[in-house]
Structure formats: C-alpha cells, structure tokens
Amino acid sequence: MKTLPWLKAMLEYLGGVTDAPPDGSRPLSPLELGLFWGLLMCAILAFSGQASKFIYIDF
C-alpha cells in the first residue's frame, strides 16, 4: 500500500511541487528532467485534437 503515496510523491517531484525526490529514488539531473518534460510535451502534441470532434452544422 506504500506504492500510491510514493507515486504521488514522485509525480509531485516531477511537477516541481517539491524539491526533494521521494525516499528510494535519486534526484534527476536537469537533462533528465528536461527530457521528461520534452517527451510529455511531444505526447500532448501528438494526441491533442484526437478526442474532440467539432461538427459544424450550417442551418
């Protein structure tokens, strides 16, 4: 049951909420953190617009 609090702490660390990583993990270098955010941005750009289909009906 300790997995969920650890995952929450890790996501808070990756998001910049806390400065220290959770117990059992090492701090990320600026390069690793930049790669994480870059991959996240690429995933967002790849999937943006896929779920919303706008239908224009002209009466």
PDB file of N, CA and C in Angstrom:
ATOM      1  N   MET A   1       0.814  -1.190   0.000  1.00  0.00           N
ATOM      2  CA  MET A   1       0.000   0.000   0.000  1.00  0.00           C
ATOM      3  C   MET A   1       0.862   1.260   0.000  1.00  0.00           C
ATOM      4  N   LYS A   2       2.166   1.099   0.044  1.00  0.00           N
ATOM      5  CA  LYS A   2       3.043   2.268   0.038  1.00  0.00           C
ATOM      6  C   LYS A   2       3.331   2.758  -1.378  1.00  0.00           C
ATOM      7  N   THR A   3       2.866   2.016  -2.378  1.00  0.00           N
ATOM      8  CA  THR A   3       3.133   2.390  -3.759  1.00  0.00           C
ATOM      9  C   THR A   3       2.419   3.677  -4.140  1.00  0.00           C
ATOM     10  N   LEU A   4       1.180   3.825  -3.747  1.00  0.00           N
ATOM     11  CA  LEU A   4       0.405   5.005  -4.113  1.00  0.00           C
ATOM     12  C   LEU A   4       0.975   6.296  -3.514  1.00  0.00           C
ATOM     13  N   PRO A   5       1.322   6.347  -2.226  1.00  0.00           N
ATOM     14  CA  PRO A   5       1.948   7.573  -1.710  1.00  0.00           C
ATOM     15  C   PRO A   5       3.305   7.866  -2.362  1.00  0.00           C
ATOM     16  N   TRP A   6       4.072   6.808  -2.678  1.00  0.00           N
ATOM     17  CA  TRP A   6       5.362   7.025  -3.338  1.00  0.00           C
ATOM     18  C   TRP A   6       5.153   7.585  -4.739  1.00  0.00           C
ATOM     19  N   LEU A   7       4.165   7.045  -5.466  1.00  0.00           N
ATOM     20  CA  LEU A   7       3.868   7.538  -6.804  1.00  0.00           C
ATOM     21  C   LEU A   7       3.409   8.991  -6.756  1.00  0.00           C
ATOM     22  N   LYS A   8       2.590   9.326  -5.770  1.00  0.00           N
ATOM     23  CA  LYS A   8       2.139  10.714  -5.598  1.00  0.00           C
ATOM     24  C   LYS A   8       3.324  11.629  -5.321  1.00  0.00           C
ATOM     25  N   ALA A   9       4.236  11.188  -4.462  1.00  0.00           N
ATOM     26  CA  ALA A   9       5.419  11.991  -4.149  1.00  0.00           C
ATOM     27  C   ALA A   9       6.320  12.142  -5.371  1.00  0.00           C
ATOM     28  N   MET A  10       6.439  11.091  -6.181  1.00  0.00           N
ATOM     29  CA  MET A  10       7.271  11.170  -7.382  1.00  0.00           C
ATOM     30  C   MET A  10       6.664  12.122  -8.404  1.00  0.00           C
ATOM     31  N   LEU A  11       5.354  12.073  -8.588  1.00  0.00           N
ATOM     32  CA  LEU A  11       4.701  12.996  -9.515  1.00  0.00           C
ATOM     33  C   LEU A  11       4.797  14.439  -9.029  1.00  0.00           C
ATOM     34  N   GLU A  12       4.719  14.640  -7.723  1.00  0.00           N
ATOM     35  CA  GLU A  12       4.897  15.989  -7.182  1.00  0.00           C
ATOM     36  C   GLU A  12       6.320  16.480  -7.423  1.00  0.00           C
ATOM     37  N   TYR A  13       7.294  15.592  -7.313  1.00  0.00           N
ATOM     38  CA  TYR A  13       8.688  15.965  -7.571  1.00  0.00           C
ATOM     39  C   TYR A  13       8.886  16.296  -9.048  1.00  0.00           C
ATOM     40  N   LEU A  14       8.339  15.463  -9.937  1.00  0.00           N
ATOM     41  CA  LEU A  14       8.483  15.716 -11.368  1.00  0.00           C
ATOM     42  C   LEU A  14       7.770  16.992 -11.786  1.00  0.00           C
ATOM     43  N   GLY A  15       6.657  17.297 -11.133  1.00  0.00           N
ATOM     44  CA  GLY A  15       5.909  18.504 -11.451  1.00  0.00           C
ATOM     45  C   GLY A  15       6.482  19.765 -10.846  1.00  0.00           C
ATOM     46  N   GLY A  16       7.448  19.625  -9.953  1.00  0.00           N
ATOM     47  CA  GLY A  16       8.088  20.792  -9.362  1.00  0.00           C
ATOM     48  C   GLY A  16       7.449  21.275  -8.080  1.00  0.00           C
ATOM     49  N   VAL A  17       6.542  20.496  -7.515  1.00  0.00           N
ATOM     50  CA  VAL A  17       5.891  20.899  -6.267  1.00  0.00           C
ATOM     51  C   VAL A  17       6.871  20.818  -5.105  1.00  0.00           C
ATOM     52  N   THR A  18       7.652  19.743  -5.070  1.00  0.00           N
ATOM     53  CA  THR A  18       8.651  19.572  -4.017  1.00  0.00           C
ATOM     54  C   THR A  18      10.045  19.560  -4.630  1.00  0.00           C
ATOM     55  N   ASP A  19      11.029  19.946  -3.835  1.00  0.00           N
ATOM     56  CA  ASP A  19      12.406  19.978  -4.322  1.00  0.00           C
ATOM     57  C   ASP A  19      13.137  18.662  -4.119  1.00  0.00           C
ATOM     58  N   ALA A  20      12.732  17.896  -3.129  1.00  0.00           N
ATOM     59  CA  ALA A  20      13.421  16.640  -2.813  1.00  0.00           C
ATOM     60  C   ALA A  20      12.654  15.457  -3.400  1.00  0.00           C
ATOM     61  N   PRO A  21      13.369  14.504  -3.996  1.00  0.00           N
ATOM     62  CA  PRO A  21      12.685  13.316  -4.516  1.00  0.00           C
ATOM     63  C   PRO A  21      12.201  12.432  -3.374  1.00  0.00           C
ATOM     64  N   PRO A  22      11.255  11.541  -3.651  1.00  0.00           N
ATOM     65  CA  PRO A  22      10.778  10.649  -2.591  1.00  0.00           C
ATOM     66  C   PRO A  22      11.863   9.671  -2.160  1.00  0.00           C
ATOM     67  N   ASP A  23      11.663   9.069  -1.006  1.00  0.00           N
ATOM     68  CA  ASP A  23      12.630   8.099  -0.496  1.00  0.00           C
ATOM     69  C   ASP A  23      12.781   6.941  -1.479  1.00  0.00           C
ATOM     70  N   GLY A  24      14.005   6.517  -1.678  1.00  0.00           N
ATOM     71  CA  GLY A  24      14.270   5.392  -2.558  1.00  0.00           C
ATOM     72  C   GLY A  24      14.545   5.776  -3.994  1.00  0.00           C
ATOM     73  N   SER A  25      14.592   7.057  -4.297  1.00  0.00           N
ATOM     74  CA  SER A  25      14.918   7.488  -5.658  1.00  0.00           C
ATOM     75  C   SER A  25      15.969   8.585  -5.597  1.00  0.00           C
ATOM     76  N   ARG A  26      16.729   8.681  -6.663  1.00  0.00           N
ATOM     77  CA  ARG A  26      17.795   9.681  -6.702  1.00  0.00           C
ATOM     78  C   ARG A  26      17.278  10.952  -7.379  1.00  0.00           C
ATOM     79  N   PRO A  27      17.905  12.081  -7.111  1.00  0.00           N
ATOM     80  CA  PRO A  27      17.487  13.318  -7.778  1.00  0.00           C
ATOM     81  C   PRO A  27      17.779  13.253  -9.279  1.00  0.00           C
ATOM     82  N   LEU A  28      16.913  13.836 -10.067  1.00  0.00           N
ATOM     83  CA  LEU A  28      17.116  13.862 -11.509  1.00  0.00           C
ATOM     84  C   LEU A  28      18.014  15.034 -11.881  1.00  0.00           C
ATOM     85  N   SER A  29      18.844  14.805 -12.881  1.00  0.00           N
ATOM     86  CA  SER A  29      19.679  15.891 -13.384  1.00  0.00           C
ATOM     87  C   SER A  29      18.801  16.822 -14.220  1.00  0.00           C
ATOM     88  N   PRO A  30      19.255  18.033 -14.472  1.00  0.00           N
ATOM     89  CA  PRO A  30      18.467  18.935 -15.313  1.00  0.00           C
ATOM     90  C   PRO A  30      18.220  18.365 -16.716  1.00  0.00           C
ATOM     91  N   LEU A  31      19.170  17.596 -17.229  1.00  0.00           N
ATOM     92  CA  LEU A  31      18.991  16.981 -18.544  1.00  0.00           C
ATOM     93  C   LEU A  31      17.864  15.946 -18.514  1.00  0.00           C
ATOM     94  N   GLU A  32      17.852  15.106 -17.490  1.00  0.00           N
ATOM     95  CA  GLU A  32      16.796  14.094 -17.369  1.00  0.00           C
ATOM     96  C   GLU A  32      15.428  14.738 -17.173  1.00  0.00           C
ATOM     97  N   LEU A  33      15.381  15.777 -16.382  1.00  0.00           N
ATOM     98  CA  LEU A  33      14.118  16.477 -16.158  1.00  0.00           C
ATOM     99  C   LEU A  33      13.644  17.155 -17.446  1.00  0.00           C
ATOM    100  N   GLY A  34      14.567  17.720 -18.201  1.00  0.00           N
ATOM    101  CA  GLY A  34      14.221  18.327 -19.485  1.00  0.00           C
ATOM    102  C   GLY A  34      13.725  17.307 -20.488  1.00  0.00           C
ATOM    103  N   LEU A  35      14.359  16.129 -20.514  1.00  0.00           N
ATOM    104  CA  LEU A  35      13.895  15.062 -21.403  1.00  0.00           C
ATOM    105  C   LEU A  35      12.493  14.592 -21.020  1.00  0.00           C
ATOM    106  N   PHE A  36      12.234  14.483 -19.716  1.00  0.00           N
ATOM    107  CA  PHE A  36      10.904  14.081 -19.254  1.00  0.00           C
ATOM    108  C   PHE A  36       9.856  15.071 -19.741  1.00  0.00           C
ATOM    109  N   TRP A  37      10.100  16.364 -19.524  1.00  0.00           N
ATOM    110  CA  TRP A  37       9.124  17.372 -19.928  1.00  0.00           C
ATOM    111  C   TRP A  37       9.006  17.453 -21.443  1.00  0.00           C
ATOM    112  N   GLY A  38      10.101  17.246 -22.164  1.00  0.00           N
ATOM    113  CA  GLY A  38      10.048  17.240 -23.625  1.00  0.00           C
ATOM    114  C   GLY A  38       9.209  16.094 -24.160  1.00  0.00           C
ATOM    115  N   LEU A  39       9.392  14.900 -23.596  1.00  0.00           N
ATOM    116  CA  LEU A  39       8.581  13.753 -24.014  1.00  0.00           C
ATOM    117  C   LEU A  39       7.110  13.957 -23.666  1.00  0.00           C
ATOM    118  N   LEU A  40       6.863  14.569 -22.527  1.00  0.00           N
ATOM    119  CA  LEU A  40       5.487  14.858 -22.136  1.00  0.00           C
ATOM    120  C   LEU A  40       4.841  15.839 -23.113  1.00  0.00           C
ATOM    121  N   MET A  41       5.575  16.863 -23.513  1.00  0.00           N
ATOM    122  CA  MET A  41       5.052  17.832 -24.485  1.00  0.00           C
ATOM    123  C   MET A  41       4.797  17.179 -25.841  1.00  0.00           C
ATOM    124  N   CYS A  42       5.696  16.289 -26.266  1.00  0.00           N
ATOM    125  CA  CYS A  42       5.502  15.576 -27.536  1.00  0.00           C
ATOM    126  C   CYS A  42       4.254  14.705 -27.489  1.00  0.00           C
ATOM    127  N   ALA A  43       4.024  14.035 -26.372  1.00  0.00           N
ATOM    128  CA  ALA A  43       2.831  13.200 -26.234  1.00  0.00           C
ATOM    129  C   ALA A  43       1.567  14.054 -26.265  1.00  0.00           C
ATOM    130  N   ILE A  44       1.609  15.211 -25.634  1.00  0.00           N
ATOM    131  CA  ILE A  44       0.447  16.100 -25.632  1.00  0.00           C
ATOM    132  C   ILE A  44       0.167  16.607 -27.039  1.00  0.00           C
ATOM    133  N   LEU A  45       1.204  17.010 -27.761  1.00  0.00           N
ATOM    134  CA  LEU A  45       1.017  17.492 -29.129  1.00  0.00           C
ATOM    135  C   LEU A  45       0.543  16.385 -30.061  1.00  0.00           C
ATOM    136  N   ALA A  46       1.023  15.163 -29.850  1.00  0.00           N
ATOM    137  CA  ALA A  46       0.631  14.049 -30.712  1.00  0.00           C
ATOM    138  C   ALA A  46      -0.838  13.684 -30.539  1.00  0.00           C
ATOM    139  N   PHE A  47      -1.356  13.823 -29.333  1.00  0.00           N
ATOM    140  CA  PHE A  47      -2.724  13.400 -29.071  1.00  0.00           C
ATOM    141  C   PHE A  47      -3.714  14.551 -28.952  1.00  0.00           C
ATOM    142  N   SER A  48      -3.276  15.777 -29.112  1.00  0.00           N
ATOM    143  CA  SER A  48      -4.218  16.889 -28.996  1.00  0.00           C
ATOM    144  C   SER A  48      -5.121  16.929 -30.228  1.00  0.00           C
ATOM    145  N   GLY A  49      -6.382  17.112 -29.990  1.00  0.00           N
ATOM    146  CA  GLY A  49      -7.351  17.166 -31.074  1.00  0.00           C
ATOM    147  C   GLY A  49      -7.899  15.820 -31.480  1.00  0.00           C
ATOM    148  N   GLN A  50      -7.393  14.741 -30.932  1.00  0.00           N
ATOM    149  CA  GLN A  50      -7.870  13.418 -31.314  1.00  0.00           C
ATOM    150  C   GLN A  50      -9.205  13.079 -30.659  1.00  0.00           C
ATOM    151  N   ALA A  51      -9.460  13.613 -29.489  1.00  0.00           N
ATOM    152  CA  ALA A  51     -10.665  13.238 -28.752  1.00  0.00           C
ATOM    153  C   ALA A  51     -11.837  14.167 -29.047  1.00  0.00           C
ATOM    154  N   SER A  52     -11.561  15.371 -29.489  1.00  0.00           N
ATOM    155  CA  SER A  52     -12.659  16.312 -29.711  1.00  0.00           C
ATOM    156  C   SER A  52     -12.929  16.437 -31.208  1.00  0.00           C
ATOM    157  N   LYS A  53     -14.109  16.058 -31.594  1.00  0.00           N
ATOM    158  CA  LYS A  53     -14.531  16.185 -32.991  1.00  0.00           C
ATOM    159  C   LYS A  53     -15.577  17.301 -33.053  1.00  0.00           C
ATOM    160  N   PHE A  54     -15.199  18.401 -33.683  1.00  0.00           N
ATOM    161  CA  PHE A  54     -16.110  19.529 -33.794  1.00  0.00           C
ATOM    162  C   PHE A  54     -16.910  19.370 -35.077  1.00  0.00           C
ATOM    163  N   ILE A  55     -18.223  19.384 -34.950  1.00  0.00           N
ATOM    164  CA  ILE A  55     -19.100  19.254 -36.112  1.00  0.00           C
ATOM    165  C   ILE A  55     -19.812  20.587 -36.303  1.00  0.00           C
ATOM    166  N   TYR A  56     -19.596  21.186 -37.452  1.00  0.00           N
ATOM    167  CA  TYR A  56     -20.222  22.462 -37.762  1.00  0.00           C
ATOM    168  C   TYR A  56     -21.441  22.196 -38.634  1.00  0.00           C
ATOM    169  N   ILE A  57     -22.593  22.638 -38.172  1.00  0.00           N
ATOM    170  CA  ILE A  57     -23.828  22.467 -38.931  1.00  0.00           C
ATOM    171  C   ILE A  57     -24.348  23.851 -39.282  1.00  0.00           C
ATOM    172  N   ASP A  58     -24.499  24.106 -40.561  1.00  0.00           N
ATOM    173  CA  ASP A  58     -24.981  25.398 -41.037  1.00  0.00           C
ATOM    174  C   ASP A  58     -26.454  25.255 -41.407  1.00  0.00           C
ATOM    175  N   PHE A  59     -27.302  25.990 -40.708  1.00  0.00           N
ATOM    176  CA  PHE A  59     -28.736  25.931 -40.996  1.00  0.00           C
ATOM    177  C   PHE A  59     -29.126  27.045 -41.927  1.00  0.00           C
TER     178      PHE A  59
END
